[in-house]
PDB file of N, CA and C in Angstrom:
ATOM      1  N   MET A   1     178.941  87.774 -33.288  1.00  0.00           N
ATOM      2  CA  MET A   1     178.976  88.500 -31.828  1.00  0.00           C
ATOM      3  C   MET A   1     179.757  89.919 -32.132  1.00  0.00           C
ATOM      4  N   GLN A   2     179.085  90.369 -31.001  1.00  0.00           N
ATOM      5  CA  GLN A   2     179.291  91.931 -31.554  1.00  0.00           C
ATOM      6  C   GLN A   2     180.392  92.558 -30.781  1.00  0.00           C
ATOM      7  N   PHE A   3     181.292  93.874 -31.411  1.00  0.00           N
ATOM      8  CA  PHE A   3     182.547  94.021 -30.832  1.00  0.00           C
ATOM      9  C   PHE A   3     182.177  94.437 -29.952  1.00  0.00           C
ATOM     10  N   THR A   4     182.670  94.952 -28.389  1.00  0.00           N
ATOM     11  CA  THR A   4     182.254  95.549 -26.886  1.00  0.00           C
ATOM     12  C   THR A   4     183.552  96.033 -27.263  1.00  0.00           C
ATOM     13  N   LEU A   5     183.705  97.633 -26.173  1.00  0.00           N
ATOM     14  CA  LEU A   5     184.647  98.061 -25.602  1.00  0.00           C
ATOM     15  C   LEU A   5     185.247  97.312 -24.342  1.00  0.00           C
ATOM     16  N   ASN A   6     183.372  96.708 -23.991  1.00  0.00           N
ATOM     17  CA  ASN A   6     184.317  96.788 -22.319  1.00  0.00           C
ATOM     18  C   ASN A   6     184.510  94.942 -22.183  1.00  0.00           C
ATOM     19  N   SER A   7     184.869  94.998 -20.816  1.00  0.00           N
ATOM     20  CA  SER A   7     185.734  94.024 -20.369  1.00  0.00           C
ATOM     21  C   SER A   7     184.136  92.755 -20.278  1.00  0.00           C
ATOM     22  N   LEU A   8     184.314  91.367 -20.207  1.00  0.00           N
ATOM     23  CA  LEU A   8     183.555  90.907 -20.173  1.00  0.00           C
ATOM     24  C   LEU A   8     183.032  90.483 -18.505  1.00  0.00           C
ATOM     25  N   GLU A   9     184.504  91.071 -17.689  1.00  0.00           N
ATOM     26  CA  GLU A   9     184.034  91.126 -16.422  1.00  0.00           C
ATOM     27  C   GLU A   9     182.886  92.317 -15.940  1.00  0.00           C
ATOM     28  N   SER A  10     183.282  93.624 -16.476  1.00  0.00           N
ATOM     29  CA  SER A  10     182.369  94.848 -16.398  1.00  0.00           C
ATOM     30  C   SER A  10     181.224  94.213 -17.021  1.00  0.00           C
ATOM     31  N   LEU A  11     180.933  93.916 -18.010  1.00  0.00           N
ATOM     32  CA  LEU A  11     179.307  93.463 -18.651  1.00  0.00           C
ATOM     33  C   LEU A  11     178.390  92.743 -17.452  1.00  0.00           C
ATOM     34  N   ALA A  12     179.443  91.397 -17.106  1.00  0.00           N
ATOM     35  CA  ALA A  12     178.520  90.293 -15.944  1.00  0.00           C
ATOM     36  C   ALA A  12     178.319  91.260 -15.140  1.00  0.00           C
ATOM     37  N   ARG A  13     178.874  92.475 -14.768  1.00  0.00           N
ATOM     38  CA  ARG A  13     178.743  92.750 -13.676  1.00  0.00           C
ATOM     39  C   ARG A  13     177.826  93.835 -13.520  1.00  0.00           C
ATOM     40  N   LEU A  14     177.224  94.015 -14.814  1.00  0.00           N
ATOM     41  CA  LEU A  14     175.776  94.945 -15.194  1.00  0.00           C
ATOM     42  C   LEU A  14     174.810  93.768 -15.290  1.00  0.00           C
ATOM     43  N   CYS A  15     174.629  93.152 -15.085  1.00  0.00           N
ATOM     44  CA  CYS A  15     173.171  91.544 -14.943  1.00  0.00           C
ATOM     45  C   CYS A  15     173.601  91.148 -14.015  1.00  0.00           C
ATOM     46  N   ASN A  16     172.349  91.194 -13.265  1.00  0.00           N
ATOM     47  CA  ASN A  16     171.954  91.064 -11.359  1.00  0.00           C
ATOM     48  C   ASN A  16     170.823  89.297 -11.823  1.00  0.00           C
ATOM     49  N   ASN A  17     171.085  88.862 -13.023  1.00  0.00           N
ATOM     50  CA  ASN A  17     169.750  87.949 -12.930  1.00  0.00           C
ATOM     51  C   ASN A  17     170.196  86.282 -13.815  1.00  0.00           C
ATOM     52  N   PHE A  18     170.507  85.765 -13.150  1.00  0.00           N
ATOM     53  CA  PHE A  18     170.877  84.616 -13.497  1.00  0.00           C
ATOM     54  C   PHE A  18     169.958  83.410 -13.101  1.00  0.00           C
ATOM     55  N   PRO A  19     169.053  83.062 -12.996  1.00  0.00           N
ATOM     56  CA  PRO A  19     167.820  81.930 -12.846  1.00  0.00           C
ATOM     57  C   PRO A  19     168.729  80.702 -12.505  1.00  0.00           C
ATOM     58  N   SER A  20     169.227  80.110 -13.786  1.00  0.00           N
ATOM     59  CA  SER A  20     170.161  79.407 -13.630  1.00  0.00           C
ATOM     60  C   SER A  20     171.263  78.484 -12.883  1.00  0.00           C
ATOM     61  N   LEU A  21     171.677  79.767 -12.329  1.00  0.00           N
ATOM     62  CA  LEU A  21     173.515  79.852 -11.531  1.00  0.00           C
ATOM     63  C   LEU A  21     172.455  80.058  -9.907  1.00  0.00           C
ATOM     64  N   ASP A  22     171.623  80.809 -10.147  1.00  0.00           N
ATOM     65  CA  ASP A  22     170.684  80.940  -8.596  1.00  0.00           C
ATOM     66  C   ASP A  22     169.983  79.388  -8.315  1.00  0.00           C
ATOM     67  N   ALA A  23     168.959  78.890  -8.963  1.00  0.00           N
ATOM     68  CA  ALA A  23     169.111  77.569  -8.515  1.00  0.00           C
ATOM     69  C   ALA A  23     170.551  76.449  -8.379  1.00  0.00           C
ATOM     70  N   HIS A  24     170.804  76.397  -8.873  1.00  0.00           N
ATOM     71  CA  HIS A  24     172.318  75.554  -8.793  1.00  0.00           C
ATOM     72  C   HIS A  24     172.625  75.335  -7.536  1.00  0.00           C
ATOM     73  N   PHE A  25     173.343  76.731  -7.584  1.00  0.00           N
ATOM     74  CA  PHE A  25     174.190  77.488  -6.705  1.00  0.00           C
ATOM     75  C   PHE A  25     173.829  78.077  -5.282  1.00  0.00           C
ATOM     76  N   ALA A  26     172.108  77.996  -5.348  1.00  0.00           N
ATOM     77  CA  ALA A  26     171.546  79.071  -3.897  1.00  0.00           C
ATOM     78  C   ALA A  26     172.407  79.936  -3.446  1.00  0.00           C
ATOM     79  N   ASP A  27     172.990  79.492  -2.111  1.00  0.00           N
ATOM     80  CA  ASP A  27     173.292  79.799  -1.454  1.00  0.00           C
ATOM     81  C   ASP A  27     174.706  80.455  -1.545  1.00  0.00           C
ATOM     82  N   ASN A  28     175.788  79.647  -2.236  1.00  0.00           N
ATOM     83  CA  ASN A  28     177.072  80.235  -3.067  1.00  0.00           C
ATOM     84  C   ASN A  28     176.774  81.378  -4.641  1.00  0.00           C
ATOM     85  N   ALA A  29     175.779  81.351  -4.744  1.00  0.00           N
ATOM     86  CA  ALA A  29     175.426  81.745  -6.204  1.00  0.00           C
ATOM     87  C   ALA A  29     176.623  83.117  -6.790  1.00  0.00           C
ATOM     88  N   SER A  30     176.256  84.026  -5.226  1.00  0.00           N
ATOM     89  CA  SER A  30     177.540  85.740  -5.487  1.00  0.00           C
ATOM     90  C   SER A  30     178.531  85.096  -5.540  1.00  0.00           C
ATOM     91  N   MET A  31     179.189  84.180  -4.975  1.00  0.00           N
ATOM     92  CA  MET A  31     180.567  83.920  -5.171  1.00  0.00           C
ATOM     93  C   MET A  31     180.939  83.215  -6.162  1.00  0.00           C
ATOM     94  N   MET A  32     179.941  82.632  -6.910  1.00  0.00           N
ATOM     95  CA  MET A  32     180.048  81.660  -8.875  1.00  0.00           C
ATOM     96  C   MET A  32     179.948  83.344  -9.830  1.00  0.00           C
ATOM     97  N   ARG A  33     179.582  84.179  -9.387  1.00  0.00           N
ATOM     98  CA  ARG A  33     179.058  85.413  -9.987  1.00  0.00           C
ATOM     99  C   ARG A  33     180.477  86.231 -10.235  1.00  0.00           C
ATOM    100  N   ARG A  34     181.191  86.278  -9.111  1.00  0.00           N
ATOM    101  CA  ARG A  34     183.116  87.110  -8.753  1.00  0.00           C
ATOM    102  C   ARG A  34     184.216  86.447  -9.996  1.00  0.00           C
ATOM    103  N   LYS A  35     184.844  86.818 -10.315  1.00  0.00           N
ATOM    104  CA  LYS A  35     185.849  86.681 -11.055  1.00  0.00           C
ATOM    105  C   LYS A  35     187.073  86.047 -10.511  1.00  0.00           C
ATOM    106  N   GLY A  36     187.330  85.007 -10.869  1.00  0.00           N
ATOM    107  CA  GLY A  36     188.092  84.415 -10.103  1.00  0.00           C
ATOM    108  C   GLY A  36     189.800  83.916 -10.996  1.00  0.00           C
ATOM    109  N   ILE A  37     190.559  83.094 -10.193  1.00  0.00           N
ATOM    110  CA  ILE A  37     191.530  82.951 -10.853  1.00  0.00           C
ATOM    111  C   ILE A  37     191.601  81.527 -11.951  1.00  0.00           C
ATOM    112  N   PHE A  38     192.415  81.569 -12.716  1.00  0.00           N
ATOM    113  CA  PHE A  38     192.899  80.669 -13.415  1.00  0.00           C
ATOM    114  C   PHE A  38     194.350  79.702 -13.970  1.00  0.00           C
ATOM    115  N   PRO A  39     194.839  78.899 -13.350  1.00  0.00           N
ATOM    116  CA  PRO A  39     196.114  78.371 -13.312  1.00  0.00           C
ATOM    117  C   PRO A  39     196.689  78.238 -14.127  1.00  0.00           C
ATOM    118  N   TYR A  40     196.570  78.848 -15.579  1.00  0.00           N
ATOM    119  CA  TYR A  40     197.265  79.087 -16.939  1.00  0.00           C
ATOM    120  C   TYR A  40     198.640  78.293 -17.143  1.00  0.00           C
ATOM    121  N   GLU A  41     199.105  77.860 -16.794  1.00  0.00           N
ATOM    122  CA  GLU A  41     200.647  78.050 -16.147  1.00  0.00           C
ATOM    123  C   GLU A  41     200.929  76.614 -15.804  1.00  0.00           C
ATOM    124  N   TYR A  42     199.873  76.284 -14.841  1.00  0.00           N
ATOM    125  CA  TYR A  42     200.132  75.108 -13.831  1.00  0.00           C
ATOM    126  C   TYR A  42     199.470  74.097 -15.327  1.00  0.00           C
ATOM    127  N   LEU A  43     198.756  74.184 -15.801  1.00  0.00           N
ATOM    128  CA  LEU A  43     197.630  73.151 -16.861  1.00  0.00           C
ATOM    129  C   LEU A  43     198.648  72.919 -18.536  1.00  0.00           C
ATOM    130  N   THR A  44     200.049  72.169 -17.938  1.00  0.00           N
ATOM    131  CA  THR A  44     200.958  71.816 -19.154  1.00  0.00           C
ATOM    132  C   THR A  44     200.396  71.241 -19.673  1.00  0.00           C
ATOM    133  N   ASP A  45     199.512  69.760 -19.151  1.00  0.00           N
ATOM    134  CA  ASP A  45     199.270  69.041 -20.128  1.00  0.00           C
ATOM    135  C   ASP A  45     197.740  68.956 -19.862  1.00  0.00           C
ATOM    136  N   PHE A  46     197.013  67.965 -20.625  1.00  0.00           N
ATOM    137  CA  PHE A  46     195.304  67.210 -20.143  1.00  0.00           C
ATOM    138  C   PHE A  46     195.306  66.160 -18.929  1.00  0.00           C
ATOM    139  N   SER A  47     196.488  65.588 -18.189  1.00  0.00           N
ATOM    140  CA  SER A  47     196.309  64.894 -17.769  1.00  0.00           C
ATOM    141  C   SER A  47     195.903  66.092 -15.863  1.00  0.00           C
ATOM    142  N   ARG A  48     196.106  67.090 -16.084  1.00  0.00           N
ATOM    143  CA  ARG A  48     195.753  68.373 -15.062  1.00  0.00           C
ATOM    144  C   ARG A  48     194.496  68.112 -14.972  1.00  0.00           C
ATOM    145  N   LEU A  49     193.804  67.833 -15.553  1.00  0.00           N
ATOM    146  CA  LEU A  49     192.056  68.590 -15.895  1.00  0.00           C
ATOM    147  C   LEU A  49     191.288  67.617 -15.463  1.00  0.00           C
ATOM    148  N   ASN A  50     192.110  66.205 -14.973  1.00  0.00           N
ATOM    149  CA  ASN A  50     191.570  64.939 -13.921  1.00  0.00           C
ATOM    150  C   ASN A  50     191.845  65.110 -12.700  1.00  0.00           C
ATOM    151  N   GLU A  51     192.430  66.395 -12.193  1.00  0.00           N
ATOM    152  CA  GLU A  51     193.209  66.811 -11.039  1.00  0.00           C
ATOM    153  C   GLU A  51     191.899  66.738  -9.678  1.00  0.00           C
ATOM    154  N   THR A  52     191.500  66.187  -8.719  1.00  0.00           N
ATOM    155  CA  THR A  52     190.680  66.412  -8.224  1.00  0.00           C
ATOM    156  C   THR A  52     191.021  67.184  -6.363  1.00  0.00           C
ATOM    157  N   SER A  53     191.641  68.271  -6.876  1.00  0.00           N
ATOM    158  CA  SER A  53     192.214  68.950  -5.398  1.00  0.00           C
ATOM    159  C   SER A  53     192.947  69.832  -6.179  1.00  0.00           C
ATOM    160  N   LEU A  54     193.415  70.954  -5.978  1.00  0.00           N
ATOM    161  CA  LEU A  54     193.717  72.305  -5.974  1.00  0.00           C
ATOM    162  C   LEU A  54     195.493  72.166  -6.174  1.00  0.00           C
ATOM    163  N   PRO A  55     196.167  72.674  -6.962  1.00  0.00           N
ATOM    164  CA  PRO A  55     197.803  72.138  -6.829  1.00  0.00           C
ATOM    165  C   PRO A  55     198.138  73.140  -5.120  1.00  0.00           C
ATOM    166  N   PRO A  56     199.113  72.744  -4.939  1.00  0.00           N
ATOM    167  CA  PRO A  56     199.882  73.874  -3.885  1.00  0.00           C
ATOM    168  C   PRO A  56     200.094  75.364  -4.478  1.00  0.00           C
ATOM    169  N   ARG A  57     200.105  76.143  -3.005  1.00  0.00           N
ATOM    170  CA  ARG A  57     200.205  77.787  -3.697  1.00  0.00           C
ATOM    171  C   ARG A  57     201.634  77.737  -4.434  1.00  0.00           C
ATOM    172  N   GLU A  58     202.205  76.896  -3.908  1.00  0.00           N
ATOM    173  CA  GLU A  58     203.722  76.938  -4.926  1.00  0.00           C
ATOM    174  C   GLU A  58     203.779  77.054  -5.919  1.00  0.00           C
ATOM    175  N   GLU A  59     203.043  75.926  -6.540  1.00  0.00           N
ATOM    176  CA  GLU A  59     202.914  75.169  -8.086  1.00  0.00           C
ATOM    177  C   GLU A  59     202.224  76.639  -8.652  1.00  0.00           C
ATOM    178  N   LEU A  60     201.389  77.481  -7.944  1.00  0.00           N
ATOM    179  CA  LEU A  60     200.747  78.856  -8.831  1.00  0.00           C
ATOM    180  C   LEU A  60     201.362  79.982  -9.286  1.00  0.00           C
ATOM    181  N   TYR A  61     202.201  79.606 -10.333  1.00  0.00           N
ATOM    182  CA  TYR A  61     203.022  81.103 -10.262  1.00  0.00           C
ATOM    183  C   TYR A  61     202.913  81.637 -11.757  1.00  0.00           C
ATOM    184  N   SER A  62     202.357  82.909 -12.020  1.00  0.00           N
ATOM    185  CA  SER A  62     202.801  83.961 -13.249  1.00  0.00           C
ATOM    186  C   SER A  62     203.072  84.528 -14.035  1.00  0.00           C
ATOM    187  N   MET A  63     204.068  83.431 -15.340  1.00  0.00           N
ATOM    188  CA  MET A  63     205.187  84.202 -15.864  1.00  0.00           C
ATOM    189  C   MET A  63     205.087  85.440 -16.271  1.00  0.00           C
ATOM    190  N   LEU A  64     203.303  85.788 -16.294  1.00  0.00           N
ATOM    191  CA  LEU A  64     203.098  87.626 -16.997  1.00  0.00           C
ATOM    192  C   LEU A  64     203.555  88.064 -16.042  1.00  0.00           C
ATOM    193  N   THR A  65     203.740  88.130 -14.455  1.00  0.00           N
ATOM    194  CA  THR A  65     203.835  89.346 -13.703  1.00  0.00           C
ATOM    195  C   THR A  65     205.109  88.451 -13.025  1.00  0.00           C
ATOM    196  N   ASP A  66     205.144  87.399 -12.929  1.00  0.00           N
ATOM    197  CA  ASP A  66     206.655  86.689 -12.527  1.00  0.00           C
ATOM    198  C   ASP A  66     206.745  86.813 -11.522  1.00  0.00           C
ATOM    199  N   GLU A  67     205.346  86.301 -10.599  1.00  0.00           N
ATOM    200  CA  GLU A  67     205.547  86.249  -9.281  1.00  0.00           C
ATOM    201  C   GLU A  67     204.350  85.167  -9.251  1.00  0.00           C
ATOM    202  N   HIS A  68     204.278  84.640  -8.043  1.00  0.00           N
ATOM    203  CA  HIS A  68     203.343  83.162  -7.228  1.00  0.00           C
ATOM    204  C   HIS A  68     202.101  84.359  -6.496  1.00  0.00           C
ATOM    205  N   ILE A  69     201.392  83.404  -6.779  1.00  0.00           N
ATOM    206  CA  ILE A  69     199.565  83.914  -6.449  1.00  0.00           C
ATOM    207  C   ILE A  69     199.708  84.603  -5.274  1.00  0.00           C
ATOM    208  N   THR A  70     199.410  85.574  -4.667  1.00  0.00           N
ATOM    209  CA  THR A  70     198.828  86.355  -3.506  1.00  0.00           C
ATOM    210  C   THR A  70     197.166  86.065  -3.168  1.00  0.00           C
ATOM    211  N   ASP A  71     197.206  86.283  -1.922  1.00  0.00           N
ATOM    212  CA  ASP A  71     195.718  86.691  -0.972  1.00  0.00           C
ATOM    213  C   ASP A  71     194.983  87.802  -2.008  1.00  0.00           C
ATOM    214  N   SER A  72     195.976  88.782  -2.442  1.00  0.00           N
ATOM    215  CA  SER A  72     194.950  90.233  -2.635  1.00  0.00           C
ATOM    216  C   SER A  72     194.424  90.275  -4.559  1.00  0.00           C
TER     217      SER A  72
END
């Protein structure tokens, strides 16, 4: 892999041809292309990966920004 000065997000934004993504997600493909959130601090052990629902908002806290998740 060659070093790039751009973020993965900006590179993905330049691409608009994702046939597998479009075929699998159809109506939600544009949502799947957006940058999402990932609860890094919430994943304290492997058992959390087996959970089938999202955690309560109160448990989504960022030690990096020292704040809870927001809608923005």
